[in-house]
Amino acid sequence: MLNKLKKYTNLDIRSLLDQSIRDNEKAILALNRDQMWSDGTVDVNRPRIKEHYSDFTIPLKKKFARYKKTSFITLRWDGDFYESLYIEHEQTQFVIKSDDPTWLFSLEPQVRFENTLGLTRGSKAILRDIVRTDILRKVRNAV
């Protein structure tokens, strides 16, 4: 019993959390992509507000885009932007970023898209469940 208690006190929870985030990067990015595609969330601080394509853009998207959804802005034309998402790990947080040229030079500078990359409250709740389960598994395996 005492050995198990020592193992628990020696666990580095911060390290377990960081590793869980790294282990679940694909799920995190999928949450961000799903927010945009399914919900039309292009501002994580205002997830219920949907931006709409202009009357000029809708026929172009329907004709030329690989992903033709036009009921609201999805930021998914051919898929390059969605595929370019990655996670940058910082000291106390992680940040979702993109290195897609369209994002960097056209979309990100626009005020309406400045809060697109990140997770909404709902997505954060899903992530907490994923991470909690993962950390509990890691703790059980460590003791």
Protein backbone atom coordinates (compact mmCIF):
# COMPACT_ATOMS: atom_id res chain seq x y z
CA MET A 1 0.00 0.00 0.00
CA LEU A 2 2.78 2.41 0.91
CA ASN A 3 4.55 1.73 -2.39
CA LYS A 4 1.41 2.64 -4.31
CA LEU A 5 1.07 5.89 -2.38
CA LYS A 6 4.68 6.76 -3.18
CA LYS A 7 4.04 6.09 -6.86
CA TYR A 8 1.04 8.43 -6.76
CA THR A 9 2.98 11.22 -5.07
CA ASN A 10 5.80 10.87 -7.60
CA LEU A 11 3.50 11.31 -10.59
CA ASP A 12 4.07 14.48 -12.55
CA ILE A 13 0.52 15.49 -13.46
CA ARG A 14 1.73 18.38 -15.64
CA SER A 15 3.84 15.98 -17.65
CA LEU A 16 0.91 13.55 -17.97
CA LEU A 17 -1.31 16.38 -19.18
CA ASP A 18 1.25 17.57 -21.72
CA GLN A 19 1.73 14.03 -23.01
CA SER A 20 -2.01 13.50 -23.24
CA ILE A 21 -2.38 16.67 -25.33
CA ARG A 22 0.41 15.47 -27.62
CA ASP A 23 -1.13 12.00 -27.87
CA ASN A 24 -4.50 13.50 -28.81
CA GLU A 25 -3.41 16.14 -31.33
CA LYS A 26 -5.40 14.52 -34.15
CA ALA A 27 -8.57 14.61 -32.04
CA ILE A 28 -7.97 18.25 -31.10
CA LEU A 29 -7.51 19.28 -34.71
CA ALA A 30 -10.58 17.26 -35.68
CA LEU A 31 -12.60 19.21 -33.10
CA ASN A 32 -11.49 22.52 -34.64
CA ARG A 33 -12.20 21.31 -38.18
CA ASP A 34 -15.62 20.01 -37.15
CA GLN A 35 -16.50 23.35 -35.57
CA MET A 36 -15.91 25.06 -38.88
CA TRP A 37 -17.42 22.45 -41.19
CA SER A 38 -20.43 21.24 -39.21
CA ASP A 39 -21.26 24.30 -37.13
CA GLY A 40 -19.91 27.16 -39.22
CA THR A 41 -17.89 28.45 -36.28
CA VAL A 42 -15.32 30.94 -37.51
CA ASP A 43 -15.13 32.77 -34.18
CA VAL A 44 -14.64 30.48 -31.17
CA ASN A 45 -15.73 33.30 -28.86
CA ARG A 46 -19.06 33.58 -30.69
CA PRO A 47 -19.76 30.02 -31.90
CA ARG A 48 -23.45 30.53 -32.63
CA ILE A 49 -22.89 33.35 -35.08
CA LYS A 50 -22.44 32.11 -38.62
CA GLU A 51 -20.74 34.11 -41.34
CA HIS A 52 -22.19 33.77 -44.84
CA TYR A 53 -20.64 33.70 -48.27
CA SER A 54 -21.31 36.66 -50.52
CA ASP A 55 -23.72 36.32 -53.44
CA PHE A 56 -20.65 36.50 -55.68
CA THR A 57 -18.82 33.65 -53.91
CA ILE A 58 -21.67 31.11 -53.71
CA PRO A 59 -21.83 30.24 -57.44
CA LEU A 60 -18.01 30.09 -57.60
CA LYS A 61 -17.86 27.72 -54.66
CA LYS A 62 -20.62 25.53 -56.08
CA LYS A 63 -18.80 25.30 -59.40
CA PHE A 64 -15.11 25.17 -58.48
CA ALA A 65 -14.73 24.09 -54.86
CA ARG A 66 -14.10 20.52 -53.88
CA TYR A 67 -16.30 21.05 -50.78
CA LYS A 68 -19.45 22.75 -52.02
CA LYS A 69 -21.30 23.60 -48.79
CA THR A 70 -22.52 27.22 -49.02
CA SER A 71 -25.13 27.53 -46.26
CA PHE A 72 -22.47 29.29 -44.14
CA ILE A 73 -18.74 29.94 -44.31
CA THR A 74 -16.77 26.76 -43.62
CA LEU A 75 -13.33 27.97 -44.75
CA ARG A 76 -13.08 24.74 -46.70
CA TRP A 77 -12.72 25.16 -50.43
CA ASP A 78 -10.30 22.44 -51.52
CA GLY A 79 -9.20 21.13 -48.12
CA ASP A 80 -5.68 22.56 -48.01
CA PHE A 81 -6.41 24.92 -45.11
CA TYR A 82 -7.98 22.16 -43.01
CA GLU A 83 -5.05 19.86 -43.70
CA SER A 84 -2.54 22.58 -42.81
CA LEU A 85 -3.68 22.85 -39.19
CA TYR A 86 -1.14 21.90 -36.56
CA ILE A 87 -0.55 22.36 -32.86
CA GLU A 88 2.22 24.46 -31.42
CA HIS A 89 3.05 23.63 -27.82
CA GLU A 90 3.89 26.52 -25.54
CA GLN A 91 4.90 26.58 -21.88
CA THR A 92 1.39 26.56 -20.41
CA GLN A 93 -0.87 26.03 -23.40
CA PHE A 94 -1.17 24.74 -26.92
CA VAL A 95 -2.13 26.84 -29.91
CA ILE A 96 -3.78 25.67 -33.11
CA LYS A 97 -2.09 27.23 -36.14
CA SER A 98 -1.99 26.98 -39.91
CA ASP A 99 0.83 27.46 -42.38
CA ASP A 100 -1.49 27.53 -45.40
CA PRO A 101 -0.69 30.62 -47.52
CA THR A 102 -4.39 31.41 -48.02
CA TRP A 103 -4.84 31.48 -44.25
CA LEU A 104 -1.69 33.49 -43.56
CA PHE A 105 -2.10 36.15 -46.23
CA SER A 106 -5.82 36.36 -46.89
CA LEU A 107 -7.99 34.96 -44.11
CA GLU A 108 -6.12 35.44 -40.82
CA PRO A 109 -5.64 39.21 -41.33
CA GLN A 110 -9.43 39.64 -41.56
CA VAL A 111 -11.02 40.62 -38.24
CA ARG A 112 -13.91 38.19 -38.71
CA PHE A 113 -11.52 35.22 -38.87
CA GLU A 114 -8.99 36.20 -36.20
CA ASN A 115 -10.56 33.80 -33.65
CA THR A 116 -11.18 30.86 -35.97
CA LEU A 117 -8.38 28.63 -34.77
CA GLY A 118 -9.06 27.28 -31.30
CA LEU A 119 -11.76 25.41 -29.49
CA THR A 120 -15.22 26.51 -28.41
CA ARG A 121 -16.50 25.76 -24.91
CA GLY A 122 -18.30 22.70 -26.25
CA SER A 123 -15.17 21.38 -27.94
CA LYS A 124 -13.12 22.06 -24.81
CA ALA A 125 -15.60 19.98 -22.79
CA ILE A 126 -15.17 17.10 -25.24
CA LEU A 127 -11.39 17.49 -25.04
CA ARG A 128 -11.50 17.48 -21.22
CA ASP A 129 -13.29 14.12 -21.33
CA ILE A 130 -10.75 12.72 -23.78
CA VAL A 131 -7.79 13.97 -21.73
CA ARG A 132 -9.30 12.89 -18.39
CA THR A 133 -9.80 9.34 -19.67
CA ASP A 134 -6.29 9.29 -21.13
CA ILE A 135 -4.66 10.58 -17.93
CA LEU A 136 -6.56 8.11 -15.74
CA ARG A 137 -5.35 5.30 -17.99
CA LYS A 138 -1.77 6.61 -17.76
CA VAL A 139 -2.00 6.85 -13.95
CA ARG A 140 -3.36 3.30 -13.66
CA ASN A 141 -0.53 2.05 -15.86
CA ALA A 142 2.06 3.92 -13.80
CA VAL A 143 1.05 2.45 -10.43
